[in-house]
Amino acid sequence: MKNEAHEQGVLVRPRIHIGDDIEIGPGKIDLLCHVADGQSISAAARSLGMTYKRAWLLIDTLNQGFGRPVVETTSGGKGGGGSRLTPLGEALVARYQALEAKLSQAAQPELDALCALAK
């Protein structure tokens, strides 16, 4: 079966609320992915067109919600500072991406129909 929606880059990107304290969505996941790729919160923020402060606040809401860090930072020095995802942050990205793929696959007929409406 032709996957029209996938060919056009159509994807289900869920927003998840876990209790009152945790909200996970595409923006936070994209930020975490950029931190993982660039090993830097400031570089991730720049690549997404946001301020460092905004990026840090998004990460901090995840840290607070989960009660432990999703990103760990090291101070600058001879080798420079940096940031990386903690095992929790890595698991969060992996589980979200798996959910995103399953939802997109399950919604394929509706996504194809929406793409047809856009023509």
PDB file of N, CA and C in Angstrom:
ATOM      1  N   MET A   1       0.844  -1.189   0.000  1.00  0.00           N
ATOM      2  CA  MET A   1       0.000   0.000   0.000  1.00  0.00           C
ATOM      3  C   MET A   1       0.884   1.245   0.000  1.00  0.00           C
ATOM      4  N   LYS A   2       0.562   2.187  -0.834  1.00  0.00           N
ATOM      5  CA  LYS A   2       1.314   3.429  -0.928  1.00  0.00           C
ATOM      6  C   LYS A   2       1.085   4.256   0.334  1.00  0.00           C
ATOM      7  N   ASN A   3       2.170   4.718   0.927  1.00  0.00           N
ATOM      8  CA  ASN A   3       2.093   5.498   2.155  1.00  0.00           C
ATOM      9  C   ASN A   3       2.207   6.980   1.812  1.00  0.00           C
ATOM     10  N   GLU A   4       1.109   7.539   1.339  1.00  0.00           N
ATOM     11  CA  GLU A   4       1.070   8.929   0.870  1.00  0.00           C
ATOM     12  C   GLU A   4       1.426   9.915   1.977  1.00  0.00           C
ATOM     13  N   ALA A   5       0.892   9.713   3.159  1.00  0.00           N
ATOM     14  CA  ALA A   5       1.138  10.644   4.255  1.00  0.00           C
ATOM     15  C   ALA A   5       2.618  10.648   4.638  1.00  0.00           C
ATOM     16  N   HIS A   6       3.231   9.479   4.725  1.00  0.00           N
ATOM     17  CA  HIS A   6       4.642   9.405   5.101  1.00  0.00           C
ATOM     18  C   HIS A   6       5.520  10.057   4.030  1.00  0.00           C
ATOM     19  N   GLU A   7       5.166   9.857   2.774  1.00  0.00           N
ATOM     20  CA  GLU A   7       5.932  10.456   1.684  1.00  0.00           C
ATOM     21  C   GLU A   7       5.883  11.976   1.751  1.00  0.00           C
ATOM     22  N   GLN A   8       4.812  12.526   2.280  1.00  0.00           N
ATOM     23  CA  GLN A   8       4.683  13.979   2.381  1.00  0.00           C
ATOM     24  C   GLN A   8       5.173  14.500   3.730  1.00  0.00           C
ATOM     25  N   GLY A   9       5.745  13.632   4.541  1.00  0.00           N
ATOM     26  CA  GLY A   9       6.250  14.058   5.835  1.00  0.00           C
ATOM     27  C   GLY A   9       5.168  14.263   6.870  1.00  0.00           C
ATOM     28  N   VAL A  10       4.025  13.631   6.698  1.00  0.00           N
ATOM     29  CA  VAL A  10       2.931  13.761   7.652  1.00  0.00           C
ATOM     30  C   VAL A  10       3.152  12.741   8.763  1.00  0.00           C
ATOM     31  N   LEU A  11       3.062  13.214   9.972  1.00  0.00           N
ATOM     32  CA  LEU A  11       3.384  12.386  11.124  1.00  0.00           C
ATOM     33  C   LEU A  11       2.508  12.803  12.294  1.00  0.00           C
ATOM     34  N   VAL A  12       2.081  11.863  13.079  1.00  0.00           N
ATOM     35  CA  VAL A  12       1.352  12.162  14.302  1.00  0.00           C
ATOM     36  C   VAL A  12       2.397  12.489  15.374  1.00  0.00           C
ATOM     37  N   ARG A  13       2.282  13.666  15.975  1.00  0.00           N
ATOM     38  CA  ARG A  13       3.222  14.098  17.018  1.00  0.00           C
ATOM     39  C   ARG A  13       2.421  14.375  18.283  1.00  0.00           C
ATOM     40  N   PRO A  14       2.319  13.384  19.161  1.00  0.00           N
ATOM     41  CA  PRO A  14       1.451  13.520  20.331  1.00  0.00           C
ATOM     42  C   PRO A  14       1.987  14.459  21.406  1.00  0.00           C
ATOM     43  N   ARG A  15       1.067  14.943  22.200  1.00  0.00           N
ATOM     44  CA  ARG A  15       1.359  15.713  23.405  1.00  0.00           C
ATOM     45  C   ARG A  15       0.815  14.861  24.552  1.00  0.00           C
ATOM     46  N   ILE A  16       1.678  14.538  25.490  1.00  0.00           N
ATOM     47  CA  ILE A  16       1.334  13.595  26.551  1.00  0.00           C
ATOM     48  C   ILE A  16       1.365  14.301  27.902  1.00  0.00           C
ATOM     49  N   HIS A  17       0.345  14.059  28.696  1.00  0.00           N
ATOM     50  CA  HIS A  17       0.264  14.597  30.052  1.00  0.00           C
ATOM     51  C   HIS A  17       0.288  13.413  31.000  1.00  0.00           C
ATOM     52  N   ILE A  18       1.271  13.392  31.882  1.00  0.00           N
ATOM     53  CA  ILE A  18       1.363  12.338  32.897  1.00  0.00           C
ATOM     54  C   ILE A  18       1.124  13.014  34.239  1.00  0.00           C
ATOM     55  N   GLY A  19      -0.061  12.793  34.774  1.00  0.00           N
ATOM     56  CA  GLY A  19      -0.431  13.477  36.009  1.00  0.00           C
ATOM     57  C   GLY A  19      -0.483  14.979  35.781  1.00  0.00           C
ATOM     58  N   ASP A  20      -0.233  15.732  36.842  1.00  0.00           N
ATOM     59  CA  ASP A  20      -0.269  17.192  36.752  1.00  0.00           C
ATOM     60  C   ASP A  20       1.101  17.805  36.490  1.00  0.00           C
ATOM     61  N   ASP A  21       2.155  17.007  36.619  1.00  0.00           N
ATOM     62  CA  ASP A  21       3.503  17.574  36.619  1.00  0.00           C
ATOM     63  C   ASP A  21       4.330  17.334  35.360  1.00  0.00           C
ATOM     64  N   ILE A  22       3.913  16.409  34.504  1.00  0.00           N
ATOM     65  CA  ILE A  22       4.740  16.083  33.348  1.00  0.00           C
ATOM     66  C   ILE A  22       3.952  16.290  32.060  1.00  0.00           C
ATOM     67  N   GLU A  23       4.514  17.128  31.199  1.00  0.00           N
ATOM     68  CA  GLU A  23       3.973  17.331  29.861  1.00  0.00           C
ATOM     69  C   GLU A  23       5.099  17.092  28.874  1.00  0.00           C
ATOM     70  N   ILE A  24       4.860  16.186  27.936  1.00  0.00           N
ATOM     71  CA  ILE A  24       5.859  15.838  26.936  1.00  0.00           C
ATOM     72  C   ILE A  24       5.231  16.049  25.572  1.00  0.00           C
ATOM     73  N   GLY A  25       5.951  16.739  24.702  1.00  0.00           N
ATOM     74  CA  GLY A  25       5.451  16.958  23.359  1.00  0.00           C
ATOM     75  C   GLY A  25       6.594  17.071  22.380  1.00  0.00           C
ATOM     76  N   PRO A  26       6.259  17.347  21.138  1.00  0.00           N
ATOM     77  CA  PRO A  26       7.277  17.401  20.091  1.00  0.00           C
ATOM     78  C   PRO A  26       8.390  18.415  20.357  1.00  0.00           C
ATOM     79  N   GLY A  27       8.049  19.561  20.919  1.00  0.00           N
ATOM     80  CA  GLY A  27       9.064  20.593  21.162  1.00  0.00           C
ATOM     81  C   GLY A  27      10.129  20.139  22.143  1.00  0.00           C
ATOM     82  N   LYS A  28       9.707  19.574  23.253  1.00  0.00           N
ATOM     83  CA  LYS A  28      10.672  19.107  24.252  1.00  0.00           C
ATOM     84  C   LYS A  28      11.483  17.934  23.722  1.00  0.00           C
ATOM     85  N   ILE A  29      10.843  17.036  22.997  1.00  0.00           N
ATOM     86  CA  ILE A  29      11.561  15.886  22.441  1.00  0.00           C
ATOM     87  C   ILE A  29      12.567  16.354  21.402  1.00  0.00           C
ATOM     88  N   ASP A  30      12.176  17.286  20.528  1.00  0.00           N
ATOM     89  CA  ASP A  30      13.118  17.822  19.540  1.00  0.00           C
ATOM     90  C   ASP A  30      14.306  18.485  20.235  1.00  0.00           C
ATOM     91  N   LEU A  31      14.042  19.212  21.306  1.00  0.00           N
ATOM     92  CA  LEU A  31      15.118  19.852  22.067  1.00  0.00           C
ATOM     93  C   LEU A  31      16.074  18.800  22.623  1.00  0.00           C
ATOM     94  N   LEU A  32      15.532  17.758  23.228  1.00  0.00           N
ATOM     95  CA  LEU A  32      16.389  16.699  23.770  1.00  0.00           C
ATOM     96  C   LEU A  32      17.214  16.034  22.672  1.00  0.00           C
ATOM     97  N   CYS A  33      16.621  15.819  21.513  1.00  0.00           N
ATOM     98  CA  CYS A  33      17.352  15.218  20.384  1.00  0.00           C
ATOM     99  C   CYS A  33      18.502  16.115  19.948  1.00  0.00           C
ATOM    100  N   HIS A  34      18.261  17.422  19.901  1.00  0.00           N
ATOM    101  CA  HIS A  34      19.321  18.358  19.517  1.00  0.00           C
ATOM    102  C   HIS A  34      20.414  18.427  20.580  1.00  0.00           C
ATOM    103  N   VAL A  35      20.049  18.334  21.843  1.00  0.00           N
ATOM    104  CA  VAL A  35      21.058  18.292  22.907  1.00  0.00           C
ATOM    105  C   VAL A  35      21.912  17.038  22.734  1.00  0.00           C
ATOM    106  N   ALA A  36      21.270  15.921  22.474  1.00  0.00           N
ATOM    107  CA  ALA A  36      22.007  14.666  22.291  1.00  0.00           C
ATOM    108  C   ALA A  36      22.959  14.760  21.104  1.00  0.00           C
ATOM    109  N   ASP A  37      22.502  15.361  20.017  1.00  0.00           N
ATOM    110  CA  ASP A  37      23.326  15.468  18.811  1.00  0.00           C
ATOM    111  C   ASP A  37      24.500  16.425  18.984  1.00  0.00           C
ATOM    112  N   GLY A  38      24.232  17.580  19.588  1.00  0.00           N
ATOM    113  CA  GLY A  38      25.256  18.613  19.677  1.00  0.00           C
ATOM    114  C   GLY A  38      25.995  18.679  20.989  1.00  0.00           C
ATOM    115  N   GLN A  39      25.559  17.885  21.961  1.00  0.00           N
ATOM    116  CA  GLN A  39      26.186  17.880  23.296  1.00  0.00           C
ATOM    117  C   GLN A  39      26.201  19.273  23.931  1.00  0.00           C
ATOM    118  N   SER A  40      25.146  20.071  23.627  1.00  0.00           N
ATOM    119  CA  SER A  40      25.114  21.435  24.128  1.00  0.00           C
ATOM    120  C   SER A  40      23.677  21.946  24.154  1.00  0.00           C
ATOM    121  N   ILE A  41      23.278  22.500  25.291  1.00  0.00           N
ATOM    122  CA  ILE A  41      21.953  23.100  25.389  1.00  0.00           C
ATOM    123  C   ILE A  41      21.906  24.378  24.550  1.00  0.00           C
ATOM    124  N   SER A  42      22.941  25.188  24.609  1.00  0.00           N
ATOM    125  CA  SER A  42      22.916  26.447  23.859  1.00  0.00           C
ATOM    126  C   SER A  42      22.915  26.189  22.352  1.00  0.00           C
ATOM    127  N   ALA A  43      23.670  25.211  21.876  1.00  0.00           N
ATOM    128  CA  ALA A  43      23.658  24.885  20.440  1.00  0.00           C
ATOM    129  C   ALA A  43      22.300  24.334  20.036  1.00  0.00           C
ATOM    130  N   ALA A  44      21.699  23.516  20.893  1.00  0.00           N
ATOM    131  CA  ALA A  44      20.368  22.973  20.606  1.00  0.00           C
ATOM    132  C   ALA A  44      19.357  24.105  20.518  1.00  0.00           C
ATOM    133  N   ALA A  45      19.432  25.041  21.453  1.00  0.00           N
ATOM    134  CA  ALA A  45      18.512  26.181  21.451  1.00  0.00           C
ATOM    135  C   ALA A  45      18.666  26.996  20.168  1.00  0.00           C
ATOM    136  N   ARG A  46      19.907  27.297  19.801  1.00  0.00           N
ATOM    137  CA  ARG A  46      20.149  28.076  18.574  1.00  0.00           C
ATOM    138  C   ARG A  46      19.588  27.354  17.349  1.00  0.00           C
ATOM    139  N   SER A  47      19.809  26.044  17.266  1.00  0.00           N
ATOM    140  CA  SER A  47      19.345  25.308  16.085  1.00  0.00           C
ATOM    141  C   SER A  47      17.824  25.263  16.004  1.00  0.00           C
ATOM    142  N   LEU A  48      17.146  25.435  17.126  1.00  0.00           N
ATOM    143  CA  LEU A  48      15.690  25.433  17.150  1.00  0.00           C
ATOM    144  C   LEU A  48      15.102  26.847  17.179  1.00  0.00           C
ATOM    145  N   GLY A  49      15.973  27.849  17.156  1.00  0.00           N
ATOM    146  CA  GLY A  49      15.501  29.232  17.135  1.00  0.00           C
ATOM    147  C   GLY A  49      14.908  29.702  18.448  1.00  0.00           C
ATOM    148  N   MET A  50      15.442  29.210  19.554  1.00  0.00           N
ATOM    149  CA  MET A  50      14.948  29.663  20.863  1.00  0.00           C
ATOM    150  C   MET A  50      16.117  30.151  21.698  1.00  0.00           C
ATOM    151  N   THR A  51      15.802  30.870  22.739  1.00  0.00           N
ATOM    152  CA  THR A  51      16.846  31.344  23.633  1.00  0.00           C
ATOM    153  C   THR A  51      17.331  30.210  24.517  1.00  0.00           C
ATOM    154  N   TYR A  52      18.543  30.383  25.040  1.00  0.00           N
ATOM    155  CA  TYR A  52      19.075  29.406  25.990  1.00  0.00           C
ATOM    156  C   TYR A  52      18.142  29.304  27.198  1.00  0.00           C
ATOM    157  N   LYS A  53      17.659  30.448  27.665  1.00  0.00           N
ATOM    158  CA  LYS A  53      16.784  30.457  28.844  1.00  0.00           C
ATOM    159  C   LYS A  53      15.534  29.618  28.602  1.00  0.00           C
ATOM    160  N   ARG A  54      14.922  29.767  27.430  1.00  0.00           N
ATOM    161  CA  ARG A  54      13.721  28.986  27.096  1.00  0.00           C
ATOM    162  C   ARG A  54      14.050  27.500  27.054  1.00  0.00           C
ATOM    163  N   ALA A  55      15.177  27.153  26.428  1.00  0.00           N
ATOM    164  CA  ALA A  55      15.582  25.745  26.357  1.00  0.00           C
ATOM    165  C   ALA A  55      15.800  25.181  27.758  1.00  0.00           C
ATOM    166  N   TRP A  56      16.497  25.943  28.585  1.00  0.00           N
ATOM    167  CA  TRP A  56      16.757  25.466  29.941  1.00  0.00           C
ATOM    168  C   TRP A  56      15.452  25.306  30.728  1.00  0.00           C
ATOM    169  N   LEU A  57      14.519  26.229  30.573  1.00  0.00           N
ATOM    170  CA  LEU A  57      13.240  26.118  31.277  1.00  0.00           C
ATOM    171  C   LEU A  57      12.474  24.870  30.839  1.00  0.00           C
ATOM    172  N   LEU A  58      12.484  24.556  29.549  1.00  0.00           N
ATOM    173  CA  LEU A  58      11.811  23.345  29.066  1.00  0.00           C
ATOM    174  C   LEU A  58      12.451  22.092  29.658  1.00  0.00           C
ATOM    175  N   ILE A  59      13.778  22.065  29.670  1.00  0.00           N
ATOM    176  CA  ILE A  59      14.484  20.921  30.252  1.00  0.00           C
ATOM    177  C   ILE A  59      14.207  20.828  31.744  1.00  0.00           C
ATOM    178  N   ASP A  60      14.214  21.979  32.413  1.00  0.00           N
ATOM    179  CA  ASP A  60      13.979  21.982  33.856  1.00  0.00           C
ATOM    180  C   ASP A  60      12.578  21.510  34.213  1.00  0.00           C
ATOM    181  N   THR A  61      11.574  21.810  33.377  1.00  0.00           N
ATOM    182  CA  THR A  61      10.230  21.307  33.679  1.00  0.00           C
ATOM    183  C   THR A  61      10.203  19.781  33.618  1.00  0.00           C
ATOM    184  N   LEU A  62      10.972  19.205  32.687  1.00  0.00           N
ATOM    185  CA  LEU A  62      11.069  17.737  32.643  1.00  0.00           C
ATOM    186  C   LEU A  62      11.814  17.210  33.864  1.00  0.00           C
ATOM    187  N   ASN A  63      12.924  17.855  34.223  1.00  0.00           N
ATOM    188  CA  ASN A  63      13.683  17.437  35.403  1.00  0.00           C
ATOM    189  C   ASN A  63      12.803  17.462  36.651  1.00  0.00           C
ATOM    190  N   GLN A  64      12.056  18.543  36.811  1.00  0.00           N
ATOM    191  CA  GLN A  64      11.186  18.682  37.980  1.00  0.00           C
ATOM    192  C   GLN A  64      10.055  17.662  37.956  1.00  0.00           C
ATOM    193  N   GLY A  65       9.444  17.490  36.795  1.00  0.00           N
ATOM    194  CA  GLY A  65       8.327  16.553  36.678  1.00  0.00           C
ATOM    195  C   GLY A  65       8.724  15.121  36.981  1.00  0.00           C
ATOM    196  N   PHE A  66       9.868  14.702  36.458  1.00  0.00           N
ATOM    197  CA  PHE A  66      10.328  13.328  36.688  1.00  0.00           C
ATOM    198  C   PHE A  66      11.055  13.175  38.013  1.00  0.00           C
ATOM    199  N   GLY A  67      11.430  14.303  38.633  1.00  0.00           N
ATOM    200  CA  GLY A  67      12.112  14.239  39.922  1.00  0.00           C
ATOM    201  C   GLY A  67      13.579  13.865  39.801  1.00  0.00           C
ATOM    202  N   ARG A  68      14.084  13.828  38.596  1.00  0.00           N
ATOM    203  CA  ARG A  68      15.500  13.579  38.351  1.00  0.00           C
ATOM    204  C   ARG A  68      15.841  14.104  36.969  1.00  0.00           C
ATOM    205  N   PRO A  69      17.116  14.362  36.713  1.00  0.00           N
ATOM    206  CA  PRO A  69      17.491  15.039  35.460  1.00  0.00           C
ATOM    207  C   PRO A  69      17.331  14.187  34.207  1.00  0.00           C
ATOM    208  N   VAL A  70      16.945  14.863  33.118  1.00  0.00           N
ATOM    209  CA  VAL A  70      16.919  14.235  31.793  1.00  0.00           C
ATOM    210  C   VAL A  70      18.149  14.674  30.995  1.00  0.00           C
ATOM    211  N   VAL A  71      18.787  15.754  31.435  1.00  0.00           N
ATOM    212  CA  VAL A  71      20.026  16.255  30.839  1.00  0.00           C
ATOM    213  C   VAL A  71      20.992  16.539  31.973  1.00  0.00           C
ATOM    214  N   GLU A  72      22.268  16.169  31.755  1.00  0.00           N
ATOM    215  CA  GLU A  72      23.286  16.549  32.725  1.00  0.00           C
ATOM    216  C   GLU A  72      24.302  17.437  32.030  1.00  0.00           C
ATOM    217  N   THR A  73      24.791  18.416  32.785  1.00  0.00           N
ATOM    218  CA  THR A  73      25.727  19.382  32.222  1.00  0.00           C
ATOM    219  C   THR A  73      27.054  19.288  32.951  1.00  0.00           C
ATOM    220  N   THR A  74      28.100  19.666  32.227  1.00  0.00           N
ATOM    221  CA  THR A  74      29.419  19.780  32.838  1.00  0.00           C
ATOM    222  C   THR A  74      29.895  21.201  32.614  1.00  0.00           C
ATOM    223  N   SER A  75      30.593  21.732  33.605  1.00  0.00           N
ATOM    224  CA  SER A  75      31.088  23.102  33.523  1.00  0.00           C
ATOM    225  C   SER A  75      32.210  23.192  32.506  1.00  0.00           C
ATOM    226  N   GLY A  76      32.398  24.398  32.013  1.00  0.00           N
ATOM    227  CA  GLY A  76      33.485  24.656  31.069  1.00  0.00           C
ATOM    228  C   GLY A  76      34.830  24.478  31.755  1.00  0.00           C
ATOM    229  N   GLY A  77      35.824  24.428  30.994  1.00  0.00           N
ATOM    230  CA  GLY A  77      37.183  24.259  31.502  1.00  0.00           C
ATOM    231  C   GLY A  77      38.086  24.069  30.316  1.00  0.00           C
ATOM    232  N   LYS A  78      39.188  23.384  30.531  1.00  0.00           N
ATOM    233  CA  LYS A  78      40.158  23.184  29.453  1.00  0.00           C
ATOM    234  C   LYS A  78      39.514  22.533  28.231  1.00  0.00           C
ATOM    235  N   GLY A  79      38.698  21.509  28.456  1.00  0.00           N
ATOM    236  CA  GLY A  79      38.026  20.827  27.348  1.00  0.00           C
ATOM    237  C   GLY A  79      36.680  21.424  27.006  1.00  0.00           C
ATOM    238  N   GLY A  80      36.274  22.451  27.742  1.00  0.00           N
ATOM    239  CA  GLY A  80      34.965  23.056  27.516  1.00  0.00           C
ATOM    240  C   GLY A  80      33.883  22.291  28.245  1.00  0.00           C
ATOM    241  N   GLY A  81      32.765  22.928  28.422  1.00  0.00           N
ATOM    242  CA  GLY A  81      31.633  22.285  29.073  1.00  0.00           C
ATOM    243  C   GLY A  81      30.807  21.542  28.055  1.00  0.00           C
ATOM    244  N   GLY A  82      29.696  21.048  28.505  1.00  0.00           N
ATOM    245  CA  GLY A  82      28.822  20.347  27.584  1.00  0.00           C
ATOM    246  C   GLY A  82      27.612  19.795  28.304  1.00  0.00           C
ATOM    247  N   SER A  83      26.760  19.179  27.537  1.00  0.00           N
ATOM    248  CA  SER A  83      25.542  18.583  28.067  1.00  0.00           C
ATOM    249  C   SER A  83      25.309  17.266  27.365  1.00  0.00           C
ATOM    250  N   ARG A  84      24.674  16.371  28.079  1.00  0.00           N
ATOM    251  CA  ARG A  84      24.294  15.104  27.456  1.00  0.00           C
ATOM    252  C   ARG A  84      23.033  14.587  28.135  1.00  0.00           C
ATOM    253  N   LEU A  85      22.317  13.743  27.406  1.00  0.00           N
ATOM    254  CA  LEU A  85      21.123  13.145  28.000  1.00  0.00           C
ATOM    255  C   LEU A  85      21.530  12.123  29.044  1.00  0.00           C
ATOM    256  N   THR A  86      20.769  12.084  30.112  1.00  0.00           N
ATOM    257  CA  THR A  86      20.951  11.031  31.109  1.00  0.00           C
ATOM    258  C   THR A  86      20.274   9.769  30.562  1.00  0.00           C
ATOM    259  N   PRO A  87      20.462   8.632  31.215  1.00  0.00           N
ATOM    260  CA  PRO A  87      19.718   7.447  30.782  1.00  0.00           C
ATOM    261  C   PRO A  87      18.208   7.690  30.753  1.00  0.00           C
ATOM    262  N   LEU A  88      17.693   8.474  31.700  1.00  0.00           N
ATOM    263  CA  LEU A  88      16.268   8.818  31.692  1.00  0.00           C
ATOM    264  C   LEU A  88      15.920   9.629  30.442  1.00  0.00           C
ATOM    265  N   GLY A  89      16.736  10.611  30.101  1.00  0.00           N
ATOM    266  CA  GLY A  89      16.497  11.417  28.911  1.00  0.00           C
ATOM    267  C   GLY A  89      16.531  10.575  27.647  1.00  0.00           C
ATOM    268  N   GLU A  90      17.490   9.657  27.564  1.00  0.00           N
ATOM    269  CA  GLU A  90      17.580   8.765  26.403  1.00  0.00           C
ATOM    270  C   GLU A  90      16.344   7.879  26.301  1.00  0.00           C
ATOM    271  N   ALA A  91      15.910   7.341  27.441  1.00  0.00           N
ATOM    272  CA  ALA A  91      14.716   6.481  27.459  1.00  0.00           C
ATOM    273  C   ALA A  91      13.470   7.277  27.092  1.00  0.00           C
ATOM    274  N   LEU A  92      13.380   8.499  27.569  1.00  0.00           N
ATOM    275  CA  LEU A  92      12.234   9.358  27.266  1.00  0.00           C
ATOM    276  C   LEU A  92      12.131   9.595  25.763  1.00  0.00           C
ATOM    277  N   VAL A  93      13.238   9.927  25.116  1.00  0.00           N
ATOM    278  CA  VAL A  93      13.244  10.151  23.668  1.00  0.00           C
ATOM    279  C   VAL A  93      12.882   8.866  22.931  1.00  0.00           C
ATOM    280  N   ALA A  94      13.484   7.757  23.325  1.00  0.00           N
ATOM    281  CA  ALA A  94      13.228   6.478  22.650  1.00  0.00           C
ATOM    282  C   ALA A  94      11.761   6.065  22.763  1.00  0.00           C
ATOM    283  N   ARG A  95      11.177   6.184  23.954  1.00  0.00           N
ATOM    284  CA  ARG A  95       9.773   5.789  24.154  1.00  0.00           C
ATOM    285  C   ARG A  95       8.849   6.720  23.389  1.00  0.00           C
ATOM    286  N   TYR A  96       9.125   8.013  23.392  1.00  0.00           N
ATOM    287  CA  TYR A  96       8.287   8.962  22.659  1.00  0.00           C
ATOM    288  C   TYR A  96       8.342   8.656  21.165  1.00  0.00           C
ATOM    289  N   GLN A  97       9.537   8.442  20.632  1.00  0.00           N
ATOM    290  CA  GLN A  97       9.679   8.165  19.206  1.00  0.00           C
ATOM    291  C   GLN A  97       8.990   6.858  18.823  1.00  0.00           C
ATOM    292  N   ALA A  98       9.051   5.854  19.700  1.00  0.00           N
ATOM    293  CA  ALA A  98       8.353   4.593  19.432  1.00  0.00           C
ATOM    294  C   ALA A  98       6.840   4.814  19.417  1.00  0.00           C
ATOM    295  N   LEU A  99       6.337   5.599  20.356  1.00  0.00           N
ATOM    296  CA  LEU A  99       4.912   5.910  20.403  1.00  0.00           C
ATOM    297  C   LEU A  99       4.496   6.689  19.161  1.00  0.00           C
ATOM    298  N   GLU A 100       5.294   7.661  18.775  1.00  0.00           N
ATOM    299  CA  GLU A 100       5.023   8.464  17.594  1.00  0.00           C
ATOM    300  C   GLU A 100       4.914   7.578  16.344  1.00  0.00           C
ATOM    301  N   ALA A 101       5.842   6.639  16.202  1.00  0.00           N
ATOM    302  CA  ALA A 101       5.832   5.739  15.036  1.00  0.00           C
ATOM    303  C   ALA A 101       4.591   4.842  15.045  1.00  0.00           C
ATOM    304  N   LYS A 102       4.238   4.303  16.212  1.00  0.00           N
ATOM    305  CA  LYS A 102       3.057   3.433  16.297  1.00  0.00           C
ATOM    306  C   LYS A 102       1.771   4.198  16.012  1.00  0.00           C
ATOM    307  N   LEU A 103       1.664   5.401  16.544  1.00  0.00           N
ATOM    308  CA  LEU A 103       0.469   6.211  16.304  1.00  0.00           C
ATOM    309  C   LEU A 103       0.355   6.591  14.831  1.00  0.00           C
ATOM    310  N   SER A 104       1.466   6.956  14.231  1.00  0.00           N
ATOM    311  CA  SER A 104       1.444   7.319  12.812  1.00  0.00           C
ATOM    312  C   SER A 104       1.057   6.132  11.949  1.00  0.00           C
ATOM    313  N   GLN A 105       1.574   4.966  12.287  1.00  0.00           N
ATOM    314  CA  GLN A 105       1.233   3.761  11.520  1.00  0.00           C
ATOM    315  C   GLN A 105      -0.250   3.428  11.679  1.00  0.00           C
ATOM    316  N   ALA A 106      -0.748   3.499  12.899  1.00  0.00           N
ATOM    317  CA  ALA A 106      -2.152   3.174  13.151  1.00  0.00           C
ATOM    318  C   ALA A 106      -3.091   4.184  12.485  1.00  0.00           C
ATOM    319  N   ALA A 107      -2.636   5.413  12.361  1.00  0.00           N
ATOM    320  CA  ALA A 107      -3.479   6.470  11.800  1.00  0.00           C
ATOM    321  C   ALA A 107      -3.294   6.639  10.290  1.00  0.00           C
ATOM    322  N   GLN A 108      -2.560   5.745   9.656  1.00  0.00           N
ATOM    323  CA  GLN A 108      -2.201   5.915   8.251  1.00  0.00           C
ATOM    324  C   GLN A 108      -3.385   6.180   7.316  1.00  0.00           C
ATOM    325  N   PRO A 109      -4.487   5.439   7.404  1.00  0.00           N
ATOM    326  CA  PRO A 109      -5.601   5.730   6.501  1.00  0.00           C
ATOM    327  C   PRO A 109      -6.139   7.172   6.671  1.00  0.00           C
ATOM    328  N   GLU A 110      -6.226   7.637   7.897  1.00  0.00           N
ATOM    329  CA  GLU A 110      -6.711   8.988   8.131  1.00  0.00           C
ATOM    330  C   GLU A 110      -5.691  10.016   7.658  1.00  0.00           C
ATOM    331  N   LEU A 111      -4.411   9.734   7.850  1.00  0.00           N
ATOM    332  CA  LEU A 111      -3.362  10.651   7.390  1.00  0.00           C
ATOM    333  C   LEU A 111      -3.378  10.747   5.854  1.00  0.00           C
ATOM    334  N   ASP A 112      -3.544   9.608   5.188  1.00  0.00           N
ATOM    335  CA  ASP A 112      -3.642   9.611   3.727  1.00  0.00           C
ATOM    336  C   ASP A 112      -4.847  10.433   3.269  1.00  0.00           C
ATOM    337  N   ALA A 113      -5.978  10.284   3.968  1.00  0.00           N
ATOM    338  CA  ALA A 113      -7.176  11.030   3.622  1.00  0.00           C
ATOM    339  C   ALA A 113      -6.967  12.531   3.815  1.00  0.00           C
ATOM    340  N   LEU A 114      -6.287  12.919   4.888  1.00  0.00           N
ATOM    341  CA  LEU A 114      -5.991  14.341   5.111  1.00  0.00           C
ATOM    342  C   LEU A 114      -5.071  14.882   4.019  1.00  0.00           C
ATOM    343  N   CYS A 115      -4.103  14.080   3.608  1.00  0.00           N
ATOM    344  CA  CYS A 115      -3.207  14.498   2.516  1.00  0.00           C
ATOM    345  C   CYS A 115      -3.995  14.687   1.217  1.00  0.00           C
ATOM    346  N   ALA A 116      -4.955  13.813   0.982  1.00  0.00           N
ATOM    347  CA  ALA A 116      -5.770  13.930  -0.229  1.00  0.00           C
ATOM    348  C   ALA A 116      -6.599  15.212  -0.206  1.00  0.00           C
ATOM    349  N   LEU A 117      -7.048  15.623   0.973  1.00  0.00           N
ATOM    350  CA  LEU A 117      -7.805  16.871   1.093  1.00  0.00           C
ATOM    351  C   LEU A 117      -6.936  18.086   0.788  1.00  0.00           C
ATOM    352  N   ALA A 118      -5.638  17.951   1.012  1.00  0.00           N
ATOM    353  CA  ALA A 118      -4.726  19.082   0.818  1.00  0.00           C
ATOM    354  C   ALA A 118      -4.366  19.274  -0.655  1.00  0.00           C
ATOM    355  N   LYS A 119      -4.744  18.325  -1.495  1.00  0.00           N
ATOM    356  CA  LYS A 119      -4.399  18.442  -2.928  1.00  0.00           C
ATOM    357  C   LYS A 119      -5.367  19.323  -3.663  1.00  0.00           C
TER     358      LYS A 119
END
